[in-house]
PDB file of all heavy atoms in Angstrom:
ATOM      1  N   GLY A   1     -54.411 -36.002 -26.778  1.00  0.00           N
ATOM      2  CA  GLY A   1     -53.228 -35.817 -26.013  1.00  0.00           C
ATOM      3  C   GLY A   1     -52.011 -36.450 -26.618  1.00  0.00           C
ATOM      4  O   GLY A   1     -50.894 -36.177 -26.208  1.00  0.00           O
ATOM      5  N   GLY A   2     -52.256 -37.231 -27.703  1.00  0.00           N
ATOM      6  CA  GLY A   2     -51.158 -37.916 -28.394  1.00  0.00           C
ATOM      7  C   GLY A   2     -50.484 -36.998 -29.439  1.00  0.00           C
ATOM      8  O   GLY A   2     -50.811 -35.790 -29.532  1.00  0.00           O
ATOM      9  N   SER A   3     -49.530 -37.550 -30.101  1.00  0.00           N
ATOM     10  CA  SER A   3     -48.734 -36.782 -31.056  1.00  0.00           C
ATOM     11  C   SER A   3     -48.665 -37.507 -32.375  1.00  0.00           C
ATOM     12  O   SER A   3     -48.731 -38.703 -32.506  1.00  0.00           O
ATOM     13  CB  SER A   3     -47.305 -36.524 -30.553  1.00  0.00           C
ATOM     14  OG  SER A   3     -47.287 -35.771 -29.315  1.00  0.00           O
ATOM     15  N   LEU A   4     -48.507 -36.670 -33.472  1.00  0.00           N
ATOM     16  CA  LEU A   4     -48.227 -37.149 -34.767  1.00  0.00           C
ATOM     17  C   LEU A   4     -47.300 -36.218 -35.456  1.00  0.00           C
ATOM     18  O   LEU A   4     -47.247 -34.983 -35.137  1.00  0.00           O
ATOM     19  CB  LEU A   4     -49.489 -37.298 -35.607  1.00  0.00           C
ATOM     20  CG  LEU A   4     -50.474 -38.417 -35.342  1.00  0.00           C
ATOM     21  CD1 LEU A   4     -51.750 -38.233 -36.122  1.00  0.00           C
ATOM     22  CD2 LEU A   4     -49.854 -39.787 -35.675  1.00  0.00           C
ATOM     23  N   ARG A   5     -46.528 -36.678 -36.445  1.00  0.00           N
ATOM     24  CA  ARG A   5     -45.680 -35.839 -37.246  1.00  0.00           C
ATOM     25  C   ARG A   5     -46.031 -36.075 -38.734  1.00  0.00           C
ATOM     26  O   ARG A   5     -45.856 -37.176 -39.215  1.00  0.00           O
ATOM     27  CB  ARG A   5     -44.199 -36.029 -36.979  1.00  0.00           C
ATOM     28  CG  ARG A   5     -43.310 -35.029 -37.753  1.00  0.00           C
ATOM     29  CD  ARG A   5     -41.832 -35.132 -37.452  1.00  0.00           C
ATOM     30  NE  ARG A   5     -41.275 -36.295 -38.182  1.00  0.00           N
ATOM     31  CZ  ARG A   5     -39.993 -36.445 -38.450  1.00  0.00           C
ATOM     32  NH1 ARG A   5     -39.146 -35.549 -38.071  1.00  0.00           N
ATOM     33  NH2 ARG A   5     -39.544 -37.479 -39.091  1.00  0.00           N
ATOM     34  N   LEU A   6     -46.477 -35.010 -39.327  1.00  0.00           N
ATOM     35  CA  LEU A   6     -46.828 -35.146 -40.777  1.00  0.00           C
ATOM     36  C   LEU A   6     -45.600 -34.735 -41.584  1.00  0.00           C
ATOM     37  O   LEU A   6     -44.875 -33.850 -41.132  1.00  0.00           O
ATOM     38  CB  LEU A   6     -47.975 -34.196 -41.087  1.00  0.00           C
ATOM     39  CG  LEU A   6     -49.299 -34.397 -40.275  1.00  0.00           C
ATOM     40  CD1 LEU A   6     -50.379 -33.485 -40.794  1.00  0.00           C
ATOM     41  CD2 LEU A   6     -49.740 -35.853 -40.341  1.00  0.00           C
ATOM     42  N   SER A   7     -45.462 -35.295 -42.711  1.00  0.00           N
ATOM     43  CA  SER A   7     -44.390 -34.953 -43.645  1.00  0.00           C
ATOM     44  C   SER A   7     -44.964 -34.591 -45.018  1.00  0.00           C
ATOM     45  O   SER A   7     -45.970 -35.133 -45.427  1.00  0.00           O
ATOM     46  CB  SER A   7     -43.437 -36.157 -43.815  1.00  0.00           C
ATOM     47  OG  SER A   7     -42.811 -36.490 -42.600  1.00  0.00           O
ATOM     48  N   CYS A   8     -44.328 -33.612 -45.623  1.00  0.00           N
ATOM     49  CA  CYS A   8     -44.782 -33.214 -46.983  1.00  0.00           C
ATOM     50  C   CYS A   8     -43.510 -33.277 -47.866  1.00  0.00           C
ATOM     51  O   CYS A   8     -42.614 -32.482 -47.712  1.00  0.00           O
ATOM     52  CB  CYS A   8     -45.324 -31.811 -46.920  1.00  0.00           C
ATOM     53  SG  CYS A   8     -45.679 -31.139 -48.584  1.00  0.00           S
ATOM     54  N   ALA A   9     -43.461 -34.225 -48.692  1.00  0.00           N
ATOM     55  CA  ALA A   9     -42.334 -34.410 -49.648  1.00  0.00           C
ATOM     56  C   ALA A   9     -42.674 -33.602 -50.898  1.00  0.00           C
ATOM     57  O   ALA A   9     -43.694 -33.832 -51.580  1.00  0.00           O
ATOM     58  CB  ALA A   9     -42.150 -35.888 -49.989  1.00  0.00           C
ATOM     59  N   ALA A  10     -41.830 -32.600 -51.200  1.00  0.00           N
ATOM     60  CA  ALA A  10     -42.052 -31.695 -52.335  1.00  0.00           C
ATOM     61  C   ALA A  10     -41.038 -31.918 -53.400  1.00  0.00           C
ATOM     62  O   ALA A  10     -39.844 -32.207 -53.181  1.00  0.00           O
ATOM     63  CB  ALA A  10     -41.983 -30.244 -51.826  1.00  0.00           C
ATOM     64  N   SER A  11     -41.478 -31.841 -54.625  1.00  0.00           N
ATOM     65  CA  SER A  11     -40.626 -31.924 -55.761  1.00  0.00           C
ATOM     66  C   SER A  11     -39.704 -30.696 -55.807  1.00  0.00           C
ATOM     67  O   SER A  11     -38.574 -30.817 -56.324  1.00  0.00           O
ATOM     68  CB  SER A  11     -41.371 -32.053 -57.042  1.00  0.00           C
ATOM     69  OG  SER A  11     -42.195 -30.987 -57.295  1.00  0.00           O
ATOM     70  N   HIS A  12     -40.236 -29.619 -55.366  1.00  0.00           N
ATOM     71  CA  HIS A  12     -39.510 -28.313 -55.288  1.00  0.00           C
ATOM     72  C   HIS A  12     -39.878 -27.605 -53.962  1.00  0.00           C
ATOM     73  O   HIS A  12     -41.077 -27.593 -53.647  1.00  0.00           O
ATOM     74  CB  HIS A  12     -39.768 -27.418 -56.439  1.00  0.00           C
ATOM     75  CG  HIS A  12     -39.443 -28.038 -57.799  1.00  0.00           C
ATOM     76  ND1 HIS A  12     -40.322 -28.908 -58.414  1.00  0.00           N
ATOM     77  CD2 HIS A  12     -38.385 -27.858 -58.618  1.00  0.00           C
ATOM     78  CE1 HIS A  12     -39.818 -29.321 -59.518  1.00  0.00           C
ATOM     79  NE2 HIS A  12     -38.652 -28.667 -59.712  1.00  0.00           N
ATOM     80  N   SER A  13     -38.886 -27.068 -53.305  1.00  0.00           N
ATOM     81  CA  SER A  13     -39.224 -26.319 -52.059  1.00  0.00           C
ATOM     82  C   SER A  13     -39.327 -24.810 -52.414  1.00  0.00           C
ATOM     83  O   SER A  13     -38.394 -24.247 -52.927  1.00  0.00           O
ATOM     84  CB  SER A  13     -38.072 -26.492 -51.069  1.00  0.00           C
ATOM     85  OG  SER A  13     -38.394 -25.845 -49.830  1.00  0.00           O
ATOM     86  N   LEU A  14     -40.498 -24.308 -52.213  1.00  0.00           N
ATOM     87  CA  LEU A  14     -40.812 -22.892 -52.565  1.00  0.00           C
ATOM     88  C   LEU A  14     -40.680 -21.965 -51.354  1.00  0.00           C
ATOM     89  O   LEU A  14     -40.546 -22.474 -50.217  1.00  0.00           O
ATOM     90  CB  LEU A  14     -42.213 -22.820 -53.225  1.00  0.00           C
ATOM     91  CG  LEU A  14     -42.398 -23.674 -54.526  1.00  0.00           C
ATOM     92  CD1 LEU A  14     -43.755 -23.316 -55.078  1.00  0.00           C
ATOM     93  CD2 LEU A  14     -41.318 -23.419 -55.516  1.00  0.00           C
ATOM     94  N   ALA A  15     -40.809 -20.740 -51.581  1.00  0.00           N
ATOM     95  CA  ALA A  15     -40.661 -19.733 -50.520  1.00  0.00           C
ATOM     96  C   ALA A  15     -41.703 -19.841 -49.446  1.00  0.00           C
ATOM     97  O   ALA A  15     -41.456 -19.548 -48.276  1.00  0.00           O
ATOM     98  CB  ALA A  15     -40.648 -18.312 -51.122  1.00  0.00           C
ATOM     99  N   TYR A  16     -42.873 -20.345 -49.802  1.00  0.00           N
ATOM    100  CA  TYR A  16     -44.002 -20.425 -48.903  1.00  0.00           C
ATOM    101  C   TYR A  16     -44.428 -21.886 -48.844  1.00  0.00           C
ATOM    102  O   TYR A  16     -44.876 -22.452 -49.874  1.00  0.00           O
ATOM    103  CB  TYR A  16     -45.126 -19.496 -49.252  1.00  0.00           C
ATOM    104  CG  TYR A  16     -44.851 -18.100 -49.237  1.00  0.00           C
ATOM    105  CD1 TYR A  16     -44.250 -17.458 -50.315  1.00  0.00           C
ATOM    106  CD2 TYR A  16     -45.121 -17.326 -48.081  1.00  0.00           C
ATOM    107  CE1 TYR A  16     -43.954 -16.108 -50.275  1.00  0.00           C
ATOM    108  CE2 TYR A  16     -44.859 -15.967 -48.045  1.00  0.00           C
ATOM    109  CZ  TYR A  16     -44.283 -15.399 -49.194  1.00  0.00           C
ATOM    110  OH  TYR A  16     -43.994 -14.027 -49.196  1.00  0.00           O
ATOM    111  N   MET A  17     -44.257 -22.570 -47.721  1.00  0.00           N
ATOM    112  CA  MET A  17     -44.776 -23.870 -47.460  1.00  0.00           C
ATOM    113  C   MET A  17     -45.650 -23.866 -46.285  1.00  0.00           C
ATOM    114  O   MET A  17     -45.310 -23.278 -45.261  1.00  0.00           O
ATOM    115  CB  MET A  17     -43.557 -24.811 -47.218  1.00  0.00           C
ATOM    116  CG  MET A  17     -42.511 -24.808 -48.348  1.00  0.00           C
ATOM    117  SD  MET A  17     -43.119 -25.475 -49.905  1.00  0.00           S
ATOM    118  CE  MET A  17     -43.372 -27.180 -49.563  1.00  0.00           C
ATOM    119  N   ALA A  18     -46.801 -24.513 -46.431  1.00  0.00           N
ATOM    120  CA  ALA A  18     -47.832 -24.340 -45.338  1.00  0.00           C
ATOM    121  C   ALA A  18     -48.640 -25.619 -45.210  1.00  0.00           C
ATOM    122  O   ALA A  18     -48.642 -26.457 -46.143  1.00  0.00           O
ATOM    123  CB  ALA A  18     -48.756 -23.177 -45.640  1.00  0.00           C
ATOM    124  N   TRP A  19     -49.298 -25.690 -44.111  1.00  0.00           N
ATOM    125  CA  TRP A  19     -50.220 -26.792 -43.821  1.00  0.00           C
ATOM    126  C   TRP A  19     -51.651 -26.234 -43.616  1.00  0.00           C
ATOM    127  O   TRP A  19     -51.797 -25.193 -42.902  1.00  0.00           O
ATOM    128  CB  TRP A  19     -49.788 -27.604 -42.553  1.00  0.00           C
ATOM    129  CG  TRP A  19     -48.616 -28.408 -42.708  1.00  0.00           C
ATOM    130  CD1 TRP A  19     -47.310 -28.124 -42.455  1.00  0.00           C
ATOM    131  CD2 TRP A  19     -48.564 -29.788 -43.262  1.00  0.00           C
ATOM    132  NE1 TRP A  19     -46.463 -29.178 -42.793  1.00  0.00           N
ATOM    133  CE2 TRP A  19     -47.243 -30.174 -43.259  1.00  0.00           C
ATOM    134  CE3 TRP A  19     -49.561 -30.677 -43.731  1.00  0.00           C
ATOM    135  CZ2 TRP A  19     -46.839 -31.413 -43.730  1.00  0.00           C
ATOM    136  CZ3 TRP A  19     -49.159 -31.951 -44.167  1.00  0.00           C
ATOM    137  CH2 TRP A  19     -47.855 -32.312 -44.146  1.00  0.00           C
ATOM    138  N   PHE A  20     -52.614 -26.915 -44.175  1.00  0.00           N
ATOM    139  CA  PHE A  20     -53.965 -26.544 -44.033  1.00  0.00           C
ATOM    140  C   PHE A  20     -54.735 -27.740 -43.590  1.00  0.00           C
ATOM    141  O   PHE A  20     -54.251 -28.913 -43.735  1.00  0.00           O
ATOM    142  CB  PHE A  20     -54.571 -25.971 -45.326  1.00  0.00           C
ATOM    143  CG  PHE A  20     -53.929 -24.659 -45.708  1.00  0.00           C
ATOM    144  CD1 PHE A  20     -52.735 -24.651 -46.466  1.00  0.00           C
ATOM    145  CD2 PHE A  20     -54.525 -23.502 -45.404  1.00  0.00           C
ATOM    146  CE1 PHE A  20     -52.180 -23.497 -46.840  1.00  0.00           C
ATOM    147  CE2 PHE A  20     -53.987 -22.279 -45.814  1.00  0.00           C
ATOM    148  CZ  PHE A  20     -52.784 -22.246 -46.543  1.00  0.00           C
ATOM    149  N   ARG A  21     -55.937 -27.584 -43.140  1.00  0.00           N
ATOM    150  CA  ARG A  21     -56.790 -28.654 -42.755  1.00  0.00           C
ATOM    151  C   ARG A  21     -58.235 -28.429 -43.056  1.00  0.00           C
ATOM    152  O   ARG A  21     -58.631 -27.232 -43.072  1.00  0.00           O
ATOM    153  CB  ARG A  21     -56.572 -29.052 -41.309  1.00  0.00           C
ATOM    154  CG  ARG A  21     -57.123 -28.040 -40.314  1.00  0.00           C
ATOM    155  CD  ARG A  21     -56.736 -28.482 -38.866  1.00  0.00           C
ATOM    156  NE  ARG A  21     -57.244 -27.509 -37.882  1.00  0.00           N
ATOM    157  CZ  ARG A  21     -56.929 -27.523 -36.586  1.00  0.00           C
ATOM    158  NH1 ARG A  21     -56.132 -28.479 -36.112  1.00  0.00           N
ATOM    159  NH2 ARG A  21     -57.449 -26.647 -35.737  1.00  0.00           N
ATOM    160  N   GLN A  22     -58.939 -29.498 -43.256  1.00  0.00           N
ATOM    161  CA  GLN A  22     -60.360 -29.309 -43.559  1.00  0.00           C
ATOM    162  C   GLN A  22     -61.117 -30.532 -42.980  1.00  0.00           C
ATOM    163  O   GLN A  22     -60.830 -31.696 -43.287  1.00  0.00           O
ATOM    164  CB  GLN A  22     -60.607 -29.224 -45.099  1.00  0.00           C
ATOM    165  CG  GLN A  22     -62.052 -28.969 -45.447  1.00  0.00           C
ATOM    166  CD  GLN A  22     -62.240 -28.532 -46.897  1.00  0.00           C
ATOM    167  OE1 GLN A  22     -61.377 -28.926 -47.694  1.00  0.00           O
ATOM    168  NE2 GLN A  22     -63.305 -27.808 -47.190  1.00  0.00           N
ATOM    169  N   ALA A  23     -62.086 -30.244 -42.112  1.00  0.00           N
ATOM    170  CA  ALA A  23     -62.923 -31.253 -41.531  1.00  0.00           C
ATOM    171  C   ALA A  23     -64.216 -31.249 -42.343  1.00  0.00           C
ATOM    172  O   ALA A  23     -64.580 -30.273 -42.993  1.00  0.00           O
ATOM    173  CB  ALA A  23     -63.187 -30.935 -40.086  1.00  0.00           C
ATOM    174  N   PRO A  24     -64.932 -32.376 -42.324  1.00  0.00           N
ATOM    175  CA  PRO A  24     -66.176 -32.482 -43.056  1.00  0.00           C
ATOM    176  C   PRO A  24     -67.147 -31.391 -42.646  1.00  0.00           C
ATOM    177  O   PRO A  24     -67.368 -31.121 -41.405  1.00  0.00           O
ATOM    178  CB  PRO A  24     -66.733 -33.865 -42.635  1.00  0.00           C
ATOM    179  CG  PRO A  24     -65.485 -34.670 -42.349  1.00  0.00           C
ATOM    180  CD  PRO A  24     -64.556 -33.660 -41.682  1.00  0.00           C
ATOM    181  N   GLY A  25     -67.734 -30.721 -43.629  1.00  0.00           N
ATOM    182  CA  GLY A  25     -68.699 -29.668 -43.402  1.00  0.00           C
ATOM    183  C   GLY A  25     -68.098 -28.342 -42.960  1.00  0.00           C
ATOM    184  O   GLY A  25     -68.836 -27.407 -42.686  1.00  0.00           O
ATOM    185  N   LYS A  26     -66.768 -28.231 -42.944  1.00  0.00           N
ATOM    186  CA  LYS A  26     -66.145 -27.006 -42.546  1.00  0.00           C
ATOM    187  C   LYS A  26     -65.223 -26.464 -43.703  1.00  0.00           C
ATOM    188  O   LYS A  26     -64.880 -27.212 -44.609  1.00  0.00           O
ATOM    189  CB  LYS A  26     -65.294 -27.210 -41.372  1.00  0.00           C
ATOM    190  CG  LYS A  26     -66.023 -27.623 -40.066  1.00  0.00           C
ATOM    191  CD  LYS A  26     -65.137 -27.703 -38.859  1.00  0.00           C
ATOM    192  CE  LYS A  26     -65.918 -28.033 -37.608  1.00  0.00           C
ATOM    193  NZ  LYS A  26     -65.001 -28.115 -36.406  1.00  0.00           N
ATOM    194  N   GLU A  27     -64.907 -25.220 -43.656  1.00  0.00           N
ATOM    195  CA  GLU A  27     -64.047 -24.578 -44.567  1.00  0.00           C
ATOM    196  C   GLU A  27     -62.630 -24.992 -44.315  1.00  0.00           C
ATOM    197  O   GLU A  27     -62.212 -25.335 -43.176  1.00  0.00           O
ATOM    198  CB  GLU A  27     -64.198 -23.004 -44.510  1.00  0.00           C
ATOM    199  CG  GLU A  27     -65.562 -22.518 -44.849  1.00  0.00           C
ATOM    200  CD  GLU A  27     -65.882 -22.713 -46.301  1.00  0.00           C
ATOM    201  OE1 GLU A  27     -64.990 -22.588 -47.120  1.00  0.00           O
ATOM    202  OE2 GLU A  27     -67.034 -23.069 -46.600  1.00  0.00           O
ATOM    203  N   ARG A  28     -61.820 -24.957 -45.362  1.00  0.00           N
ATOM    204  CA  ARG A  28     -60.390 -25.210 -45.179  1.00  0.00           C
ATOM    205  C   ARG A  28     -59.772 -24.047 -44.418  1.00  0.00           C
ATOM    206  O   ARG A  28     -60.056 -22.936 -44.682  1.00  0.00           O
ATOM    207  CB  ARG A  28     -59.760 -25.393 -46.527  1.00  0.00           C
ATOM    208  CG  ARG A  28     -58.303 -25.817 -46.473  1.00  0.00           C
ATOM    209  CD  ARG A  28     -57.783 -26.314 -47.841  1.00  0.00           C
ATOM    210  NE  ARG A  28     -58.571 -27.432 -48.339  1.00  0.00           N
ATOM    211  CZ  ARG A  28     -58.222 -28.135 -49.430  1.00  0.00           C
ATOM    212  NH1 ARG A  28     -57.118 -27.799 -50.139  1.00  0.00           N
ATOM    213  NH2 ARG A  28     -58.974 -29.116 -49.825  1.00  0.00           N
ATOM    214  N   GLU A  29     -58.954 -24.433 -43.459  1.00  0.00           N
ATOM    215  CA  GLU A  29     -58.300 -23.402 -42.621  1.00  0.00           C
ATOM    216  C   GLU A  29     -56.775 -23.572 -42.566  1.00  0.00           C
ATOM    217  O   GLU A  29     -56.253 -24.709 -42.662  1.00  0.00           O
ATOM    218  CB  GLU A  29     -58.849 -23.414 -41.172  1.00  0.00           C
ATOM    219  CG  GLU A  29     -58.646 -24.627 -40.447  1.00  0.00           C
ATOM    220  CD  GLU A  29     -59.051 -24.648 -39.010  1.00  0.00           C
ATOM    221  OE1 GLU A  29     -59.303 -23.538 -38.522  1.00  0.00           O
ATOM    222  OE2 GLU A  29     -59.251 -25.736 -38.422  1.00  0.00           O
ATOM    223  N   GLY A  30     -56.119 -22.460 -42.503  1.00  0.00           N
ATOM    224  CA  GLY A  30     -54.641 -22.479 -42.358  1.00  0.00           C
ATOM    225  C   GLY A  30     -54.253 -22.981 -40.955  1.00  0.00           C
ATOM    226  O   GLY A  30     -54.828 -22.612 -39.957  1.00  0.00           O
ATOM    227  N   VAL A  31     -53.194 -23.787 -40.914  1.00  0.00           N
ATOM    228  CA  VAL A  31     -52.629 -24.348 -39.666  1.00  0.00           C
ATOM    229  C   VAL A  31     -51.289 -23.729 -39.329  1.00  0.00           C
ATOM    230  O   VAL A  31     -51.119 -23.203 -38.246  1.00  0.00           O
ATOM    231  CB  VAL A  31     -52.607 -25.908 -39.758  1.00  0.00           C
ATOM    232  CG1 VAL A  31     -51.932 -26.457 -38.449  1.00  0.00           C
ATOM    233  CG2 VAL A  31     -53.945 -26.472 -39.961  1.00  0.00           C
ATOM    234  N   ALA A  32     -50.379 -23.838 -40.287  1.00  0.00           N
ATOM    235  CA  ALA A  32     -49.052 -23.309 -40.057  1.00  0.00           C
ATOM    236  C   ALA A  32     -48.356 -23.031 -41.345  1.00  0.00           C
ATOM    237  O   ALA A  32     -48.655 -23.654 -42.385  1.00  0.00           O
ATOM    238  CB  ALA A  32     -48.225 -24.379 -39.235  1.00  0.00           C
ATOM    239  N   ALA A  33     -47.488 -22.101 -41.386  1.00  0.00           N
ATOM    240  CA  ALA A  33     -46.690 -21.729 -42.579  1.00  0.00           C
ATOM    241  C   ALA A  33     -45.294 -21.463 -42.217  1.00  0.00           C
ATOM    242  O   ALA A  33     -44.987 -20.945 -41.143  1.00  0.00           O
ATOM    243  CB  ALA A  33     -47.338 -20.511 -43.248  1.00  0.00           C
ATOM    244  N   ALA A  34     -44.371 -21.836 -43.121  1.00  0.00           N
ATOM    245  CA  ALA A  34     -42.982 -21.589 -43.020  1.00  0.00           C
ATOM    246  C   ALA A  34     -42.583 -20.725 -44.196  1.00  0.00           C
ATOM    247  O   ALA A  34     -42.728 -21.116 -45.346  1.00  0.00           O
ATOM    248  CB  ALA A  34     -42.146 -22.851 -42.980  1.00  0.00           C
ATOM    249  N   ILE A  35     -41.987 -19.555 -43.935  1.00  0.00           N
ATOM    250  CA  ILE A  35     -41.670 -18.575 -44.934  1.00  0.00           C
ATOM    251  C   ILE A  35     -40.174 -18.360 -45.009  1.00  0.00           C
ATOM    252  O   ILE A  35     -39.536 -18.251 -43.957  1.00  0.00           O
ATOM    253  CB  ILE A  35     -42.359 -17.264 -44.680  1.00  0.00           C
ATOM    254  CG1 ILE A  35     -43.832 -17.492 -44.304  1.00  0.00           C
ATOM    255  CG2 ILE A  35     -42.243 -16.323 -45.901  1.00  0.00           C
ATOM    256  CD1 ILE A  35     -44.625 -18.228 -45.361  1.00  0.00           C
ATOM    257  N   ARG A  36     -39.593 -18.292 -46.158  1.00  0.00           N
ATOM    258  CA  ARG A  36     -38.183 -17.917 -46.354  1.00  0.00           C
ATOM    259  C   ARG A  36     -37.965 -16.727 -47.174  1.00  0.00           C
ATOM    260  O   ARG A  36     -36.981 -16.608 -47.855  1.00  0.00           O
ATOM    261  CB  ARG A  36     -37.397 -19.119 -46.822  1.00  0.00           C
ATOM    262  CG  ARG A  36     -37.842 -19.682 -48.194  1.00  0.00           C
ATOM    263  CD  ARG A  36     -37.039 -20.919 -48.552  1.00  0.00           C
ATOM    264  NE  ARG A  36     -37.255 -21.417 -49.853  1.00  0.00           N
ATOM    265  CZ  ARG A  36     -36.734 -22.470 -50.360  1.00  0.00           C
ATOM    266  NH1 ARG A  36     -35.899 -23.221 -49.674  1.00  0.00           N
ATOM    267  NH2 ARG A  36     -37.037 -22.830 -51.625  1.00  0.00           N
ATOM    268  N   VAL A  37     -38.962 -15.850 -47.231  1.00  0.00           N
ATOM    269  CA  VAL A  37     -38.849 -14.556 -47.952  1.00  0.00           C
ATOM    270  C   VAL A  37     -38.431 -13.538 -46.930  1.00  0.00           C
ATOM    271  O   VAL A  37     -39.150 -13.391 -45.912  1.00  0.00           O
ATOM    272  CB  VAL A  37     -40.164 -14.174 -48.594  1.00  0.00           C
ATOM    273  CG1 VAL A  37     -40.083 -12.784 -49.161  1.00  0.00           C
ATOM    274  CG2 VAL A  37     -40.494 -15.181 -49.701  1.00  0.00           C
ATOM    275  N   GLY A  38     -37.287 -12.824 -47.144  1.00  0.00           N
ATOM    276  CA  GLY A  38     -36.847 -11.895 -46.204  1.00  0.00           C
ATOM    277  C   GLY A  38     -36.351 -12.678 -44.933  1.00  0.00           C
ATOM    278  O   GLY A  38     -35.614 -13.610 -45.137  1.00  0.00           O
ATOM    279  N   ASN A  39     -36.770 -12.232 -43.842  1.00  0.00           N
ATOM    280  CA  ASN A  39     -36.516 -12.905 -42.590  1.00  0.00           C
ATOM    281  C   ASN A  39     -37.386 -14.188 -42.487  1.00  0.00           C
ATOM    282  O   ASN A  39     -38.616 -14.077 -42.476  1.00  0.00           O
ATOM    283  CB  ASN A  39     -36.680 -12.036 -41.399  1.00  0.00           C
ATOM    284  CG  ASN A  39     -35.731 -10.888 -41.299  1.00  0.00           C
ATOM    285  OD1 ASN A  39     -34.601 -11.033 -41.783  1.00  0.00           O
ATOM    286  ND2 ASN A  39     -36.199  -9.771 -40.777  1.00  0.00           N
ATOM    287  N   SER A  40     -36.723 -15.315 -42.498  1.00  0.00           N
ATOM    288  CA  SER A  40     -37.495 -16.564 -42.387  1.00  0.00           C
ATOM    289  C   SER A  40     -38.322 -16.535 -41.138  1.00  0.00           C
ATOM    290  O   SER A  40     -37.837 -16.069 -40.094  1.00  0.00           O
ATOM    291  CB  SER A  40     -36.531 -17.756 -42.395  1.00  0.00           C
ATOM    292  OG  SER A  40     -35.836 -17.863 -43.609  1.00  0.00           O
ATOM    293  N   ASN A  41     -39.514 -17.069 -41.266  1.00  0.00           N
ATOM    294  CA  ASN A  41     -40.435 -17.024 -40.123  1.00  0.00           C
ATOM    295  C   ASN A  41     -41.475 -18.126 -40.228  1.00  0.00           C
ATOM    296  O   ASN A  41     -41.593 -18.726 -41.259  1.00  0.00           O
ATOM    297  CB  ASN A  41     -41.140 -15.646 -40.026  1.00  0.00           C
ATOM    298  CG  ASN A  41     -41.283 -15.191 -38.647  1.00  0.00           C
ATOM    299  OD1 ASN A  41     -41.449 -15.952 -37.674  1.00  0.00           O
ATOM    300  ND2 ASN A  41     -41.318 -13.870 -38.464  1.00  0.00           N
TER     301      ASN A  41
END
């Protein structure tokens, strides 16, 4: 029920920036992505 804010400091900001997560014994999965190609989304 709590909150956290993660930060990703990048040397260069690219068109696709995303967050993934991986728990022990599980595959890495996509969480969220920010896109600035065409219409940002």
